[in-house]
Amino acid sequence: VPQFFVRRRTVPIKFSPTELLSVLHSPNAVPQKEGVLVETENGRVLLIPQKSGRKLQIFAESASYETACELCGDIEEKLRRH
């Protein structure tokens, strides 16, 4: 089994979690039972809304720690811009 690195962050959001797919505006974003999964060529990111609906947990997974951090940062930036 190859080694994967995970970067985890919790970020505040200013929109309803039901708007997450439209905020991400990505064909690679797929609804999951617990949130939204975004697959990229460098890894994947799982976004899970907290019960309060005011924060999201971001789990970025990749083959390198640096790439996991970049994936997490990219998603976080998209969320901030909305």
PDB file of N, CA and C in Angstrom:
ATOM      1  N   VAL A   1       0.852  -1.174   0.000  1.00  0.00           N
ATOM      2  CA  VAL A   1       0.000   0.000   0.000  1.00  0.00           C
ATOM      3  C   VAL A   1       0.899   1.240   0.000  1.00  0.00           C
ATOM      4  N   PRO A   2       0.710   2.135  -0.968  1.00  0.00           N
ATOM      5  CA  PRO A   2       1.533   3.341  -1.006  1.00  0.00           C
ATOM      6  C   PRO A   2       1.209   4.270   0.163  1.00  0.00           C
ATOM      7  N   GLN A   3       2.214   5.024   0.575  1.00  0.00           N
ATOM      8  CA  GLN A   3       2.034   5.959   1.686  1.00  0.00           C
ATOM      9  C   GLN A   3       1.337   7.223   1.190  1.00  0.00           C
ATOM     10  N   PHE A   4       0.376   7.705   1.972  1.00  0.00           N
ATOM     11  CA  PHE A   4      -0.312   8.947   1.662  1.00  0.00           C
ATOM     12  C   PHE A   4      -0.163   9.908   2.824  1.00  0.00           C
ATOM     13  N   PHE A   5      -0.202  11.179   2.502  1.00  0.00           N
ATOM     14  CA  PHE A   5      -0.124  12.225   3.509  1.00  0.00           C
ATOM     15  C   PHE A   5      -1.443  12.974   3.528  1.00  0.00           C
ATOM     16  N   VAL A   6      -1.862  13.359   4.717  1.00  0.00           N
ATOM     17  CA  VAL A   6      -3.140  14.052   4.871  1.00  0.00           C
ATOM     18  C   VAL A   6      -2.908  15.398   5.541  1.00  0.00           C
ATOM     19  N   ARG A   7      -3.540  16.410   4.984  1.00  0.00           N
ATOM     20  CA  ARG A   7      -3.550  17.744   5.581  1.00  0.00           C
ATOM     21  C   ARG A   7      -4.976  18.005   5.996  1.00  0.00           C
ATOM     22  N   ARG A   8      -5.189  18.362   7.247  1.00  0.00           N
ATOM     23  CA  ARG A   8      -6.541  18.589   7.762  1.00  0.00           C
ATOM     24  C   ARG A   8      -6.662  20.015   8.289  1.00  0.00           C
ATOM     25  N   ARG A   9      -7.751  20.656   7.916  1.00  0.00           N
ATOM     26  CA  ARG A   9      -8.021  22.025   8.382  1.00  0.00           C
ATOM     27  C   ARG A   9      -9.509  22.169   8.647  1.00  0.00           C
ATOM     28  N   THR A  10      -9.850  23.041   9.554  1.00  0.00           N
ATOM     29  CA  THR A  10     -11.241  23.432   9.777  1.00  0.00           C
ATOM     30  C   THR A  10     -11.324  24.917   9.470  1.00  0.00           C
ATOM     31  N   VAL A  11     -12.240  25.280   8.563  1.00  0.00           N
ATOM     32  CA  VAL A  11     -12.345  26.673   8.128  1.00  0.00           C
ATOM     33  C   VAL A  11     -13.785  27.162   8.274  1.00  0.00           C
ATOM     34  N   PRO A  12     -13.945  28.444   8.626  1.00  0.00           N
ATOM     35  CA  PRO A  12     -15.292  29.011   8.689  1.00  0.00           C
ATOM     36  C   PRO A  12     -15.826  29.250   7.273  1.00  0.00           C
ATOM     37  N   ILE A  13     -17.136  29.181   7.117  1.00  0.00           N
ATOM     38  CA  ILE A  13     -17.758  29.478   5.823  1.00  0.00           C
ATOM     39  C   ILE A  13     -18.863  30.513   6.031  1.00  0.00           C
ATOM     40  N   LYS A  14     -19.112  31.288   4.982  1.00  0.00           N
ATOM     41  CA  LYS A  14     -20.133  32.337   5.033  1.00  0.00           C
ATOM     42  C   LYS A  14     -21.347  31.990   4.182  1.00  0.00           C
ATOM     43  N   PHE A  15     -21.468  30.736   3.812  1.00  0.00           N
ATOM     44  CA  PHE A  15     -22.578  30.284   2.980  1.00  0.00           C
ATOM     45  C   PHE A  15     -23.126  28.998   3.578  1.00  0.00           C
ATOM     46  N   SER A  16     -24.277  28.599   3.103  1.00  0.00           N
ATOM     47  CA  SER A  16     -24.884  27.361   3.577  1.00  0.00           C
ATOM     48  C   SER A  16     -24.129  26.160   3.000  1.00  0.00           C
ATOM     49  N   PRO A  17     -23.933  25.098   3.786  1.00  0.00           N
ATOM     50  CA  PRO A  17     -23.276  23.904   3.252  1.00  0.00           C
ATOM     51  C   PRO A  17     -23.989  23.307   2.041  1.00  0.00           C
ATOM     52  N   THR A  18     -25.268  23.581   1.888  1.00  0.00           N
ATOM     53  CA  THR A  18     -25.997  23.079   0.720  1.00  0.00           C
ATOM     54  C   THR A  18     -25.524  23.741  -0.579  1.00  0.00           C
ATOM     55  N   GLU A  19     -24.819  24.865  -0.475  1.00  0.00           N
ATOM     56  CA  GLU A  19     -24.297  25.581  -1.636  1.00  0.00           C
ATOM     57  C   GLU A  19     -22.878  25.147  -2.016  1.00  0.00           C
ATOM     58  N   LEU A  20     -22.333  24.182  -1.309  1.00  0.00           N
ATOM     59  CA  LEU A  20     -20.931  23.812  -1.476  1.00  0.00           C
ATOM     60  C   LEU A  20     -20.573  23.431  -2.912  1.00  0.00           C
ATOM     61  N   LEU A  21     -21.394  22.641  -3.564  1.00  0.00           N
ATOM     62  CA  LEU A  21     -21.094  22.241  -4.948  1.00  0.00           C
ATOM     63  C   LEU A  21     -21.037  23.442  -5.888  1.00  0.00           C
ATOM     64  N   SER A  22     -21.941  24.382  -5.722  1.00  0.00           N
ATOM     65  CA  SER A  22     -21.929  25.558  -6.601  1.00  0.00           C
ATOM     66  C   SER A  22     -20.761  26.482  -6.268  1.00  0.00           C
ATOM     67  N   VAL A  23     -20.358  26.539  -5.018  1.00  0.00           N
ATOM     68  CA  VAL A  23     -19.203  27.354  -4.630  1.00  0.00           C
ATOM     69  C   VAL A  23     -17.921  26.772  -5.218  1.00  0.00           C
ATOM     70  N   LEU A  24     -17.761  25.462  -5.160  1.00  0.00           N
ATOM     71  CA  LEU A  24     -16.563  24.823  -5.703  1.00  0.00           C
ATOM     72  C   LEU A  24     -16.522  24.907  -7.221  1.00  0.00           C
ATOM     73  N   HIS A  25     -17.693  24.845  -7.847  1.00  0.00           N
ATOM     74  CA  HIS A  25     -17.818  24.953  -9.299  1.00  0.00           C
ATOM     75  C   HIS A  25     -16.768  24.091 -10.014  1.00  0.00           C
ATOM     76  N   SER A  26     -16.765  22.807  -9.692  1.00  0.00           N
ATOM     77  CA  SER A  26     -15.795  21.884 -10.264  1.00  0.00           C
ATOM     78  C   SER A  26     -16.498  20.623 -10.750  1.00  0.00           C
ATOM     79  N   PRO A  27     -16.180  20.182 -11.961  1.00  0.00           N
ATOM     80  CA  PRO A  27     -16.774  18.927 -12.438  1.00  0.00           C
ATOM     81  C   PRO A  27     -16.248  17.714 -11.665  1.00  0.00           C
ATOM     82  N   ASN A  28     -15.172  17.905 -10.919  1.00  0.00           N
ATOM     83  CA  ASN A  28     -14.576  16.824 -10.135  1.00  0.00           C
ATOM     84  C   ASN A  28     -15.146  16.731  -8.729  1.00  0.00           C
ATOM     85  N   ALA A  29     -16.072  17.608  -8.377  1.00  0.00           N
ATOM     86  CA  ALA A  29     -16.695  17.605  -7.052  1.00  0.00           C
ATOM     87  C   ALA A  29     -17.922  16.696  -7.085  1.00  0.00           C
ATOM     88  N   VAL A  30     -17.918  15.687  -6.218  1.00  0.00           N
ATOM     89  CA  VAL A  30     -18.988  14.689  -6.198  1.00  0.00           C
ATOM     90  C   VAL A  30     -19.575  14.604  -4.795  1.00  0.00           C
ATOM     91  N   PRO A  31     -20.902  14.725  -4.682  1.00  0.00           N
ATOM     92  CA  PRO A  31     -21.514  14.586  -3.358  1.00  0.00           C
ATOM     93  C   PRO A  31     -21.265  13.194  -2.781  1.00  0.00           C
ATOM     94  N   GLN A  32     -21.020  13.149  -1.490  1.00  0.00           N
ATOM     95  CA  GLN A  32     -20.822  11.912  -0.758  1.00  0.00           C
ATOM     96  C   GLN A  32     -21.837  11.873   0.379  1.00  0.00           C
ATOM     97  N   LYS A  33     -21.937  10.765   1.029  1.00  0.00           N
ATOM     98  CA  LYS A  33     -22.869  10.637   2.144  1.00  0.00           C
ATOM     99  C   LYS A  33     -22.598  11.679   3.229  1.00  0.00           C
ATOM    100  N   GLU A  34     -21.315  11.951   3.472  1.00  0.00           N
ATOM    101  CA  GLU A  34     -20.961  12.848   4.567  1.00  0.00           C
ATOM    102  C   GLU A  34     -20.493  14.224   4.132  1.00  0.00           C
ATOM    103  N   GLY A  35     -20.347  14.478   2.842  1.00  0.00           N
ATOM    104  CA  GLY A  35     -19.865  15.773   2.376  1.00  0.00           C
ATOM    105  C   GLY A  35     -19.675  15.777   0.876  1.00  0.00           C
ATOM    106  N   VAL A  36     -18.559  16.367   0.442  1.00  0.00           N
ATOM    107  CA  VAL A  36     -18.238  16.466  -0.982  1.00  0.00           C
ATOM    108  C   VAL A  36     -16.794  16.004  -1.183  1.00  0.00           C
ATOM    109  N   LEU A  37     -16.575  15.176  -2.195  1.00  0.00           N
ATOM    110  CA  LEU A  37     -15.241  14.693  -2.535  1.00  0.00           C
ATOM    111  C   LEU A  37     -14.804  15.349  -3.832  1.00  0.00           C
ATOM    112  N   VAL A  38     -13.594  15.911  -3.831  1.00  0.00           N
ATOM    113  CA  VAL A  38     -13.013  16.509  -5.027  1.00  0.00           C
ATOM    114  C   VAL A  38     -11.775  15.700  -5.402  1.00  0.00           C
ATOM    115  N   GLU A  39     -11.828  15.053  -6.566  1.00  0.00           N
ATOM    116  CA  GLU A  39     -10.700  14.251  -7.060  1.00  0.00           C
ATOM    117  C   GLU A  39      -9.878  15.103  -8.023  1.00  0.00           C
ATOM    118  N   THR A  40      -8.557  15.080  -7.858  1.00  0.00           N
ATOM    119  CA  THR A  40      -7.657  15.752  -8.789  1.00  0.00           C
ATOM    120  C   THR A  40      -6.589  14.751  -9.218  1.00  0.00           C
ATOM    121  N   GLU A  41      -5.766  15.135 -10.168  1.00  0.00           N
ATOM    122  CA  GLU A  41      -4.691  14.235 -10.597  1.00  0.00           C
ATOM    123  C   GLU A  41      -3.606  14.101  -9.530  1.00  0.00           C
ATOM    124  N   ASN A  42      -3.568  15.049  -8.585  1.00  0.00           N
ATOM    125  CA  ASN A  42      -2.544  15.033  -7.539  1.00  0.00           C
ATOM    126  C   ASN A  42      -3.014  14.465  -6.211  1.00  0.00           C
ATOM    127  N   GLY A  43      -4.301  14.197  -6.094  1.00  0.00           N
ATOM    128  CA  GLY A  43      -4.836  13.694  -4.835  1.00  0.00           C
ATOM    129  C   GLY A  43      -6.329  13.925  -4.752  1.00  0.00           C
ATOM    130  N   ARG A  44      -6.834  13.894  -3.533  1.00  0.00           N
ATOM    131  CA  ARG A  44      -8.267  14.137  -3.358  1.00  0.00           C
ATOM    132  C   ARG A  44      -8.505  14.916  -2.072  1.00  0.00           C
ATOM    133  N   VAL A  45      -9.658  15.592  -2.063  1.00  0.00           N
ATOM    134  CA  VAL A  45     -10.027  16.427  -0.929  1.00  0.00           C
ATOM    135  C   VAL A  45     -11.456  16.086  -0.530  1.00  0.00           C
ATOM    136  N   LEU A  46     -11.654  15.842   0.747  1.00  0.00           N
ATOM    137  CA  LEU A  46     -12.985  15.592   1.285  1.00  0.00           C
ATOM    138  C   LEU A  46     -13.373  16.780   2.142  1.00  0.00           C
ATOM    139  N   LEU A  47     -14.550  17.335   1.875  1.00  0.00           N
ATOM    140  CA  LEU A  47     -15.067  18.468   2.644  1.00  0.00           C
ATOM    141  C   LEU A  47     -16.298  18.013   3.406  1.00  0.00           C
ATOM    142  N   ILE A  48     -16.261  18.184   4.712  1.00  0.00           N
ATOM    143  CA  ILE A  48     -17.350  17.737   5.565  1.00  0.00           C
ATOM    144  C   ILE A  48     -17.853  18.919   6.388  1.00  0.00           C
ATOM    145  N   PRO A  49     -19.126  19.300   6.229  1.00  0.00           N
ATOM    146  CA  PRO A  49     -19.669  20.397   7.031  1.00  0.00           C
ATOM    147  C   PRO A  49     -19.837  19.969   8.489  1.00  0.00           C
ATOM    148  N   GLN A  50     -19.567  20.897   9.395  1.00  0.00           N
ATOM    149  CA  GLN A  50     -19.840  20.632  10.799  1.00  0.00           C
ATOM    150  C   GLN A  50     -21.335  20.780  11.039  1.00  0.00           C
ATOM    151  N   LYS A  51     -21.822  20.211  12.115  1.00  0.00           N
ATOM    152  CA  LYS A  51     -23.258  20.221  12.404  1.00  0.00           C
ATOM    153  C   LYS A  51     -23.826  21.628  12.503  1.00  0.00           C
ATOM    154  N   SER A  52     -23.020  22.579  12.943  1.00  0.00           N
ATOM    155  CA  SER A  52     -23.490  23.960  13.067  1.00  0.00           C
ATOM    156  C   SER A  52     -23.739  24.599  11.706  1.00  0.00           C
ATOM    157  N   GLY A  53     -23.087  24.064  10.658  1.00  0.00           N
ATOM    158  CA  GLY A  53     -23.230  24.627   9.315  1.00  0.00           C
ATOM    159  C   GLY A  53     -22.378  25.854   9.090  1.00  0.00           C
ATOM    160  N   ARG A  54     -21.536  26.211  10.047  1.00  0.00           N
ATOM    161  CA  ARG A  54     -20.721  27.424   9.926  1.00  0.00           C
ATOM    162  C   ARG A  54     -19.260  27.153   9.634  1.00  0.00           C
ATOM    163  N   LYS A  55     -18.876  25.882   9.656  1.00  0.00           N
ATOM    164  CA  LYS A  55     -17.487  25.512   9.391  1.00  0.00           C
ATOM    165  C   LYS A  55     -17.445  24.240   8.554  1.00  0.00           C
ATOM    166  N   LEU A  56     -16.327  24.092   7.836  1.00  0.00           N
ATOM    167  CA  LEU A  56     -16.074  22.881   7.052  1.00  0.00           C
ATOM    168  C   LEU A  56     -14.764  22.267   7.506  1.00  0.00           C
ATOM    169  N   GLN A  57     -14.740  20.962   7.558  1.00  0.00           N
ATOM    170  CA  GLN A  57     -13.485  20.258   7.757  1.00  0.00           C
ATOM    171  C   GLN A  57     -12.973  19.879   6.375  1.00  0.00           C
ATOM    172  N   ILE A  58     -11.696  20.157   6.147  1.00  0.00           N
ATOM    173  CA  ILE A  58     -11.057  19.838   4.875  1.00  0.00           C
ATOM    174  C   ILE A  58     -10.013  18.764   5.132  1.00  0.00           C
ATOM    175  N   PHE A  59     -10.113  17.650   4.412  1.00  0.00           N
ATOM    176  CA  PHE A  59      -9.131  16.578   4.483  1.00  0.00           C
ATOM    177  C   PHE A  59      -8.528  16.421   3.091  1.00  0.00           C
ATOM    178  N   ALA A  60      -7.282  16.849   2.916  1.00  0.00           N
ATOM    179  CA  ALA A  60      -6.600  16.715   1.635  1.00  0.00           C
ATOM    180  C   ALA A  60      -5.618  15.555   1.735  1.00  0.00           C
ATOM    181  N   GLU A  61      -5.656  14.653   0.760  1.00  0.00           N
ATOM    182  CA  GLU A  61      -4.813  13.462   0.767  1.00  0.00           C
ATOM    183  C   GLU A  61      -4.023  13.404  -0.530  1.00  0.00           C
ATOM    184  N   SER A  62      -2.711  13.160  -0.407  1.00  0.00           N
ATOM    185  CA  SER A  62      -1.855  13.074  -1.585  1.00  0.00           C
ATOM    186  C   SER A  62      -0.636  12.207  -1.283  1.00  0.00           C
ATOM    187  N   ALA A  63       0.135  11.922  -2.320  1.00  0.00           N
ATOM    188  CA  ALA A  63       1.334  11.099  -2.165  1.00  0.00           C
ATOM    189  C   ALA A  63       2.469  11.868  -1.485  1.00  0.00           C
ATOM    190  N   SER A  64       2.390  13.206  -1.450  1.00  0.00           N
ATOM    191  CA  SER A  64       3.406  13.994  -0.746  1.00  0.00           C
ATOM    192  C   SER A  64       2.729  14.995   0.185  1.00  0.00           C
ATOM    193  N   TYR A  65       3.401  15.324   1.260  1.00  0.00           N
ATOM    194  CA  TYR A  65       2.847  16.266   2.229  1.00  0.00           C
ATOM    195  C   TYR A  65       2.671  17.656   1.601  1.00  0.00           C
ATOM    196  N   GLU A  66       3.642  18.073   0.793  1.00  0.00           N
ATOM    197  CA  GLU A  66       3.574  19.390   0.155  1.00  0.00           C
ATOM    198  C   GLU A  66       2.351  19.506  -0.752  1.00  0.00           C
ATOM    199  N   THR A  67       2.085  18.453  -1.507  1.00  0.00           N
ATOM    200  CA  THR A  67       0.928  18.468  -2.407  1.00  0.00           C
ATOM    201  C   THR A  67      -0.372  18.456  -1.619  1.00  0.00           C
ATOM    202  N   ALA A  68      -0.424  17.705  -0.533  1.00  0.00           N
ATOM    203  CA  ALA A  68      -1.617  17.704   0.318  1.00  0.00           C
ATOM    204  C   ALA A  68      -1.872  19.106   0.862  1.00  0.00           C
ATOM    205  N   CYS A  69      -0.817  19.800   1.263  1.00  0.00           N
ATOM    206  CA  CYS A  69      -0.958  21.175   1.751  1.00  0.00           C
ATOM    207  C   CYS A  69      -1.454  22.109   0.649  1.00  0.00           C
ATOM    208  N   GLU A  70      -0.936  21.942  -0.566  1.00  0.00           N
ATOM    209  CA  GLU A  70      -1.373  22.757  -1.704  1.00  0.00           C
ATOM    210  C   GLU A  70      -2.844  22.517  -2.020  1.00  0.00           C
ATOM    211  N   LEU A  71      -3.259  21.250  -2.046  1.00  0.00           N
ATOM    212  CA  LEU A  71      -4.664  20.934  -2.315  1.00  0.00           C
ATOM    213  C   LEU A  71      -5.564  21.582  -1.269  1.00  0.00           C
ATOM    214  N   CYS A  72      -5.182  21.480  -0.023  1.00  0.00           N
ATOM    215  CA  CYS A  72      -5.954  22.068   1.064  1.00  0.00           C
ATOM    216  C   CYS A  72      -6.028  23.584   0.890  1.00  0.00           C
ATOM    217  N   GLY A  73      -4.894  24.205   0.584  1.00  0.00           N
ATOM    218  CA  GLY A  73      -4.846  25.657   0.383  1.00  0.00           C
ATOM    219  C   GLY A  73      -5.681  26.117  -0.794  1.00  0.00           C
ATOM    220  N   ASP A  74      -5.659  25.354  -1.883  1.00  0.00           N
ATOM    221  CA  ASP A  74      -6.454  25.716  -3.061  1.00  0.00           C
ATOM    222  C   ASP A  74      -7.947  25.712  -2.746  1.00  0.00           C
ATOM    223  N   ILE A  75      -8.407  24.680  -2.064  1.00  0.00           N
ATOM    224  CA  ILE A  75      -9.823  24.599  -1.696  1.00  0.00           C
ATOM    225  C   ILE A  75     -10.182  25.709  -0.728  1.00  0.00           C
ATOM    226  N   GLU A  76      -9.310  25.946   0.235  1.00  0.00           N
ATOM    227  CA  GLU A  76      -9.565  26.997   1.223  1.00  0.00           C
ATOM    228  C   GLU A  76      -9.699  28.353   0.545  1.00  0.00           C
ATOM    229  N   GLU A  77      -8.865  28.613  -0.446  1.00  0.00           N
ATOM    230  CA  GLU A  77      -8.923  29.877  -1.191  1.00  0.00           C
ATOM    231  C   GLU A  77     -10.243  30.010  -1.947  1.00  0.00           C
ATOM    232  N   LYS A  78     -10.700  28.940  -2.584  1.00  0.00           N
ATOM    233  CA  LYS A  78     -11.990  28.976  -3.280  1.00  0.00           C
ATOM    234  C   LYS A  78     -13.127  29.294  -2.301  1.00  0.00           C
ATOM    235  N   LEU A  79     -13.063  28.703  -1.128  1.00  0.00           N
ATOM    236  CA  LEU A  79     -14.109  28.926  -0.128  1.00  0.00           C
ATOM    237  C   LEU A  79     -14.096  30.367   0.367  1.00  0.00           C
ATOM    238  N   ARG A  80     -12.907  30.949   0.525  1.00  0.00           N
ATOM    239  CA  ARG A  80     -12.791  32.338   1.004  1.00  0.00           C
ATOM    240  C   ARG A  80     -13.331  33.333  -0.002  1.00  0.00           C
ATOM    241  N   ARG A  81     -13.117  33.047  -1.286  1.00  0.00           N
ATOM    242  CA  ARG A  81     -13.543  33.989  -2.332  1.00  0.00           C
ATOM    243  C   ARG A  81     -15.054  34.100  -2.447  1.00  0.00           C
ATOM    244  N   HIS A  82     -15.766  33.118  -1.928  1.00  0.00           N
ATOM    245  CA  HIS A  82     -17.225  33.158  -2.073  1.00  0.00           C
ATOM    246  C   HIS A  82     -17.868  33.919  -0.942  1.00  0.00           C
TER     247      HIS A  82
END
